[in-house]
Amino acid sequence: MSVAGESGGRAQELRQMAQEADQAAERAADPEQRKRLKDKARRLREQSEQASSMGSGDIYPPQ
């Protein structure tokens, strides 16, 4: 598999994990737990964007 394909798969995996963290945050009763899960989802989405831009050959990080 090419590097771009591997990066695309990793980006998809990170997006899935972010979605799962968001869903868990919506179910969480504890406000602190909800905040941690939302933060985790945000970080995963940022990593996903980085992985997808690296796979596309874009040398500049997203702004």
PDB file of N, CA and C in Angstrom:
ATOM      1  N   MET A   1       0.847  -1.182   0.000  1.00  0.00           N
ATOM      2  CA  MET A   1       0.000   0.000   0.000  1.00  0.00           C
ATOM      3  C   MET A   1       0.889   1.240   0.000  1.00  0.00           C
ATOM      4  N   SER A   2       0.439   2.276  -0.647  1.00  0.00           N
ATOM      5  CA  SER A   2       1.222   3.504  -0.721  1.00  0.00           C
ATOM      6  C   SER A   2       1.146   4.272   0.589  1.00  0.00           C
ATOM      7  N   VAL A   3       2.052   5.217   0.746  1.00  0.00           N
ATOM      8  CA  VAL A   3       2.051   6.053   1.939  1.00  0.00           C
ATOM      9  C   VAL A   3       0.755   6.851   2.011  1.00  0.00           C
ATOM     10  N   ALA A   4       0.288   7.367   0.873  1.00  0.00           N
ATOM     11  CA  ALA A   4      -0.953   8.136   0.855  1.00  0.00           C
ATOM     12  C   ALA A   4      -2.131   7.266   1.286  1.00  0.00           C
ATOM     13  N   GLY A   5      -2.155   6.030   0.839  1.00  0.00           N
ATOM     14  CA  GLY A   5      -3.223   5.121   1.233  1.00  0.00           C
ATOM     15  C   GLY A   5      -3.197   4.814   2.713  1.00  0.00           C
ATOM     16  N   GLU A   6      -1.996   4.632   3.252  1.00  0.00           N
ATOM     17  CA  GLU A   6      -1.865   4.372   4.681  1.00  0.00           C
ATOM     18  C   GLU A   6      -2.306   5.585   5.486  1.00  0.00           C
ATOM     19  N   SER A   7      -1.937   6.775   5.039  1.00  0.00           N
ATOM     20  CA  SER A   7      -2.326   7.997   5.740  1.00  0.00           C
ATOM     21  C   SER A   7      -3.832   8.193   5.681  1.00  0.00           C
ATOM     22  N   GLY A   8      -4.418   7.881   4.532  1.00  0.00           N
ATOM     23  CA  GLY A   8      -5.864   8.012   4.392  1.00  0.00           C
ATOM     24  C   GLY A   8      -6.596   7.058   5.313  1.00  0.00           C
ATOM     25  N   GLY A   9      -6.073   5.841   5.443  1.00  0.00           N
ATOM     26  CA  GLY A   9      -6.677   4.876   6.356  1.00  0.00           C
ATOM     27  C   GLY A   9      -6.542   5.319   7.797  1.00  0.00           C
ATOM     28  N   ARG A  10      -5.408   5.868   8.132  1.00  0.00           N
ATOM     29  CA  ARG A  10      -5.183   6.362   9.493  1.00  0.00           C
ATOM     30  C   ARG A  10      -6.104   7.548   9.779  1.00  0.00           C
ATOM     31  N   ALA A  11      -6.265   8.433   8.806  1.00  0.00           N
ATOM     32  CA  ALA A  11      -7.144   9.586   8.986  1.00  0.00           C
ATOM     33  C   ALA A  11      -8.580   9.120   9.212  1.00  0.00           C
ATOM     34  N   GLN A  12      -9.010   8.123   8.449  1.00  0.00           N
ATOM     35  CA  GLN A  12     -10.364   7.584   8.610  1.00  0.00           C
ATOM     36  C   GLN A  12     -10.534   6.958   9.997  1.00  0.00           C
ATOM     37  N   GLU A  13      -9.518   6.232  10.437  1.00  0.00           N
ATOM     38  CA  GLU A  13      -9.567   5.611  11.760  1.00  0.00           C
ATOM     39  C   GLU A  13      -9.671   6.681  12.853  1.00  0.00           C
ATOM     40  N   LEU A  14      -8.903   7.752  12.716  1.00  0.00           N
ATOM     41  CA  LEU A  14      -8.944   8.837  13.707  1.00  0.00           C
ATOM     42  C   LEU A  14     -10.306   9.528  13.708  1.00  0.00           C
ATOM     43  N   ARG A  15     -10.890   9.720  12.521  1.00  0.00           N
ATOM     44  CA  ARG A  15     -12.225  10.336  12.450  1.00  0.00           C
ATOM     45  C   ARG A  15     -13.260   9.454  13.148  1.00  0.00           C
ATOM     46  N   GLN A  16     -13.155   8.149  12.951  1.00  0.00           N
ATOM     47  CA  GLN A  16     -14.078   7.210  13.602  1.00  0.00           C
ATOM     48  C   GLN A  16     -13.934   7.288  15.117  1.00  0.00           C
ATOM     49  N   MET A  17     -12.697   7.320  15.589  1.00  0.00           N
ATOM     50  CA  MET A  17     -12.454   7.406  17.031  1.00  0.00           C
ATOM     51  C   MET A  17     -12.999   8.720  17.595  1.00  0.00           C
ATOM     52  N   ALA A  18     -12.858   9.812  16.842  1.00  0.00           N
ATOM     53  CA  ALA A  18     -13.375  11.106  17.278  1.00  0.00           C
ATOM     54  C   ALA A  18     -14.891  11.068  17.378  1.00  0.00           C
ATOM     55  N   GLN A  19     -15.526  10.439  16.416  1.00  0.00           N
ATOM     56  CA  GLN A  19     -16.988  10.329  16.434  1.00  0.00           C
ATOM     57  C   GLN A  19     -17.444   9.511  17.642  1.00  0.00           C
ATOM     58  N   GLU A  20     -16.742   8.432  17.927  1.00  0.00           N
ATOM     59  CA  GLU A  20     -17.088   7.597  19.082  1.00  0.00           C
ATOM     60  C   GLU A  20     -16.912   8.370  20.392  1.00  0.00           C
ATOM     61  N   ALA A  21     -15.852   9.178  20.478  1.00  0.00           N
ATOM     62  CA  ALA A  21     -15.627   9.981  21.686  1.00  0.00           C
ATOM     63  C   ALA A  21     -16.732  11.023  21.837  1.00  0.00           C
ATOM     64  N   ASP A  22     -17.159  11.629  20.724  1.00  0.00           N
ATOM     65  CA  ASP A  22     -18.261  12.597  20.776  1.00  0.00           C
ATOM     66  C   ASP A  22     -19.550  11.935  21.262  1.00  0.00           C
ATOM     67  N   GLN A  23     -19.820  10.750  20.753  1.00  0.00           N
ATOM     68  CA  GLN A  23     -21.034  10.032  21.165  1.00  0.00           C
ATOM     69  C   GLN A  23     -20.971   9.664  22.636  1.00  0.00           C
ATOM     70  N   ALA A  24     -19.811   9.248  23.103  1.00  0.00           N
ATOM     71  CA  ALA A  24     -19.653   8.917  24.516  1.00  0.00           C
ATOM     72  C   ALA A  24     -19.824  10.165  25.377  1.00  0.00           C
ATOM     73  N   ALA A  25     -19.343  11.293  24.893  1.00  0.00           N
ATOM     74  CA  ALA A  25     -19.484  12.550  25.638  1.00  0.00           C
ATOM     75  C   ALA A  25     -20.958  12.919  25.780  1.00  0.00           C
ATOM     76  N   GLU A  26     -21.736  12.687  24.743  1.00  0.00           N
ATOM     77  CA  GLU A  26     -23.162  13.002  24.821  1.00  0.00           C
ATOM     78  C   GLU A  26     -23.879  12.119  25.831  1.00  0.00           C
ATOM     79  N   ARG A  27     -23.389  10.897  26.029  1.00  0.00           N
ATOM     80  CA  ARG A  27     -24.017   9.974  26.985  1.00  0.00           C
ATOM     81  C   ARG A  27     -23.506  10.177  28.413  1.00  0.00           C
ATOM     82  N   ALA A  28     -22.365  10.843  28.561  1.00  0.00           N
ATOM     83  CA  ALA A  28     -21.745  10.983  29.887  1.00  0.00           C
ATOM     84  C   ALA A  28     -22.593  11.874  30.789  1.00  0.00           C
ATOM     85  N   ALA A  29     -22.798  11.404  32.002  1.00  0.00           N
ATOM     86  CA  ALA A  29     -23.570  12.173  32.973  1.00  0.00           C
ATOM     87  C   ALA A  29     -22.687  13.189  33.696  1.00  0.00           C
ATOM     88  N   ASP A  30     -21.427  12.849  33.882  1.00  0.00           N
ATOM     89  CA  ASP A  30     -20.499  13.702  34.619  1.00  0.00           C
ATOM     90  C   ASP A  30     -19.962  14.808  33.703  1.00  0.00           C
ATOM     91  N   PRO A  31     -20.132  16.071  34.090  1.00  0.00           N
ATOM     92  CA  PRO A  31     -19.652  17.179  33.242  1.00  0.00           C
ATOM     93  C   PRO A  31     -18.150  17.132  32.963  1.00  0.00           C
ATOM     94  N   GLU A  32     -17.362  16.705  33.958  1.00  0.00           N
ATOM     95  CA  GLU A  32     -15.911  16.613  33.747  1.00  0.00           C
ATOM     96  C   GLU A  32     -15.575  15.529  32.722  1.00  0.00           C
ATOM     97  N   GLN A  33     -16.248  14.400  32.826  1.00  0.00           N
ATOM     98  CA  GLN A  33     -16.038  13.315  31.866  1.00  0.00           C
ATOM     99  C   GLN A  33     -16.450  13.767  30.460  1.00  0.00           C
ATOM    100  N   ARG A  34     -17.562  14.466  30.376  1.00  0.00           N
ATOM    101  CA  ARG A  34     -18.041  14.978  29.085  1.00  0.00           C
ATOM    102  C   ARG A  34     -17.002  15.911  28.464  1.00  0.00           C
ATOM    103  N   LYS A  35     -16.433  16.797  29.291  1.00  0.00           N
ATOM    104  CA  LYS A  35     -15.420  17.738  28.796  1.00  0.00           C
ATOM    105  C   LYS A  35     -14.178  16.989  28.311  1.00  0.00           C
ATOM    106  N   ARG A  36     -13.729  15.989  29.078  1.00  0.00           N
ATOM    107  CA  ARG A  36     -12.555  15.211  28.665  1.00  0.00           C
ATOM    108  C   ARG A  36     -12.803  14.507  27.326  1.00  0.00           C
ATOM    109  N   LEU A  37     -13.980  13.938  27.188  1.00  0.00           N
ATOM    110  CA  LEU A  37     -14.293  13.228  25.944  1.00  0.00           C
ATOM    111  C   LEU A  37     -14.392  14.188  24.760  1.00  0.00           C
ATOM    112  N   LYS A  38     -14.971  15.357  24.974  1.00  0.00           N
ATOM    113  CA  LYS A  38     -15.050  16.358  23.900  1.00  0.00           C
ATOM    114  C   LYS A  38     -13.651  16.814  23.492  1.00  0.00           C
ATOM    115  N   ASP A  39     -12.778  17.026  24.483  1.00  0.00           N
ATOM    116  CA  ASP A  39     -11.397  17.423  24.190  1.00  0.00           C
ATOM    117  C   ASP A  39     -10.668  16.324  23.416  1.00  0.00           C
ATOM    118  N   LYS A  40     -10.902  15.080  23.827  1.00  0.00           N
ATOM    119  CA  LYS A  40     -10.275  13.954  23.137  1.00  0.00           C
ATOM    120  C   LYS A  40     -10.747  13.899  21.685  1.00  0.00           C
ATOM    121  N   ALA A  41     -12.046  14.095  21.464  1.00  0.00           N
ATOM    122  CA  ALA A  41     -12.599  14.070  20.107  1.00  0.00           C
ATOM    123  C   ALA A  41     -11.985  15.189  19.259  1.00  0.00           C
ATOM    124  N   ARG A  42     -11.819  16.364  19.850  1.00  0.00           N
ATOM    125  CA  ARG A  42     -11.225  17.496  19.119  1.00  0.00           C
ATOM    126  C   ARG A  42      -9.785  17.175  18.730  1.00  0.00           C
ATOM    127  N   ARG A  43      -9.011  16.620  19.666  1.00  0.00           N
ATOM    128  CA  ARG A  43      -7.623  16.265  19.357  1.00  0.00           C
ATOM    129  C   ARG A  43      -7.543  15.206  18.255  1.00  0.00           C
ATOM    130  N   LEU A  44      -8.433  14.232  18.320  1.00  0.00           N
ATOM    131  CA  LEU A  44      -8.443  13.183  17.294  1.00  0.00           C
ATOM    132  C   LEU A  44      -8.779  13.761  15.918  1.00  0.00           C
ATOM    133  N   ARG A  45      -9.725  14.705  15.874  1.00  0.00           N
ATOM    134  CA  ARG A  45     -10.058  15.342  14.589  1.00  0.00           C
ATOM    135  C   ARG A  45      -8.869  16.127  14.048  1.00  0.00           C
ATOM    136  N   GLU A  46      -8.149  16.815  14.936  1.00  0.00           N
ATOM    137  CA  GLU A  46      -6.959  17.554  14.499  1.00  0.00           C
ATOM    138  C   GLU A  46      -5.908  16.596  13.943  1.00  0.00           C
ATOM    139  N   GLN A  47      -5.707  15.467  14.619  1.00  0.00           N
ATOM    140  CA  GLN A  47      -4.744  14.475  14.134  1.00  0.00           C
ATOM    141  C   GLN A  47      -5.193  13.904  12.796  1.00  0.00           C
ATOM    142  N   SER A  48      -6.490  13.722  12.644  1.00  0.00           N
ATOM    143  CA  SER A  48      -7.034  13.209  11.386  1.00  0.00           C
ATOM    144  C   SER A  48      -6.749  14.175  10.244  1.00  0.00           C
ATOM    145  N   GLU A  49      -6.943  15.459  10.508  1.00  0.00           N
ATOM    146  CA  GLU A  49      -6.672  16.471   9.476  1.00  0.00           C
ATOM    147  C   GLU A  49      -5.189  16.470   9.106  1.00  0.00           C
ATOM    148  N   GLN A  50      -4.325  16.329  10.097  1.00  0.00           N
ATOM    149  CA  GLN A  50      -2.891  16.295   9.824  1.00  0.00           C
ATOM    150  C   GLN A  50      -2.524  15.067   9.013  1.00  0.00           C
ATOM    151  N   ALA A  51      -3.084  13.928   9.373  1.00  0.00           N
ATOM    152  CA  ALA A  51      -2.777  12.686   8.659  1.00  0.00           C
ATOM    153  C   ALA A  51      -3.266  12.762   7.217  1.00  0.00           C
ATOM    154  N   SER A  52      -4.448  13.344   7.005  1.00  0.00           N
ATOM    155  CA  SER A  52      -4.969  13.404   5.642  1.00  0.00           C
ATOM    156  C   SER A  52      -4.183  14.407   4.804  1.00  0.00           C
ATOM    157  N   SER A  53      -3.712  15.501   5.402  1.00  0.00           N
ATOM    158  CA  SER A  53      -2.935  16.465   4.626  1.00  0.00           C
ATOM    159  C   SER A  53      -1.545  15.925   4.320  1.00  0.00           C
ATOM    160  N   MET A  54      -0.979  15.131   5.229  1.00  0.00           N
ATOM    161  CA  MET A  54       0.326  14.511   4.955  1.00  0.00           C
ATOM    162  C   MET A  54       0.201  13.490   3.831  1.00  0.00           C
ATOM    163  N   GLY A  55      -0.881  12.750   3.834  1.00  0.00           N
ATOM    164  CA  GLY A  55      -1.098  11.741   2.811  1.00  0.00           C
ATOM    165  C   GLY A  55      -1.313  12.337   1.441  1.00  0.00           C
ATOM    166  N   SER A  56      -1.847  13.549   1.393  1.00  0.00           N
ATOM    167  CA  SER A  56      -2.108  14.187   0.106  1.00  0.00           C
ATOM    168  C   SER A  56      -0.877  14.896  -0.433  1.00  0.00           C
ATOM    169  N   GLY A  57       0.197  14.928   0.359  1.00  0.00           N
ATOM    170  CA  GLY A  57       1.422  15.567  -0.082  1.00  0.00           C
ATOM    171  C   GLY A  57       1.463  17.057   0.215  1.00  0.00           C
ATOM    172  N   ASP A  58       0.488  17.549   0.940  1.00  0.00           N
ATOM    173  CA  ASP A  58       0.447  18.953   1.314  1.00  0.00           C
ATOM    174  C   ASP A  58       1.538  19.212   2.351  1.00  0.00           C
ATOM    175  N   ILE A  59       2.454  20.129   2.062  1.00  0.00           N
ATOM    176  CA  ILE A  59       3.572  20.358   2.977  1.00  0.00           C
ATOM    177  C   ILE A  59       3.251  21.382   4.054  1.00  0.00           C
ATOM    178  N   TYR A  60       2.130  22.073   3.913  1.00  0.00           N
ATOM    179  CA  TYR A  60       1.769  23.086   4.895  1.00  0.00           C
ATOM    180  C   TYR A  60       0.678  22.546   5.807  1.00  0.00           C
ATOM    181  N   PRO A  61       0.832  22.712   7.130  1.00  0.00           N
ATOM    182  CA  PRO A  61      -0.222  22.243   8.035  1.00  0.00           C
ATOM    183  C   PRO A  61      -1.483  23.081   7.863  1.00  0.00           C
ATOM    184  N   PRO A  62      -2.649  22.524   8.204  1.00  0.00           N
ATOM    185  CA  PRO A  62      -3.896  23.292   8.080  1.00  0.00           C
ATOM    186  C   PRO A  62      -3.862  24.512   8.981  1.00  0.00           C
ATOM    187  N   GLN A  63      -4.435  25.586   8.528  1.00  0.00           N
ATOM    188  CA  GLN A  63      -4.465  26.835   9.296  1.00  0.00           C
ATOM    189  C   GLN A  63      -5.790  27.020   9.967  1.00  0.00           C
TER     190      GLN A  63
END
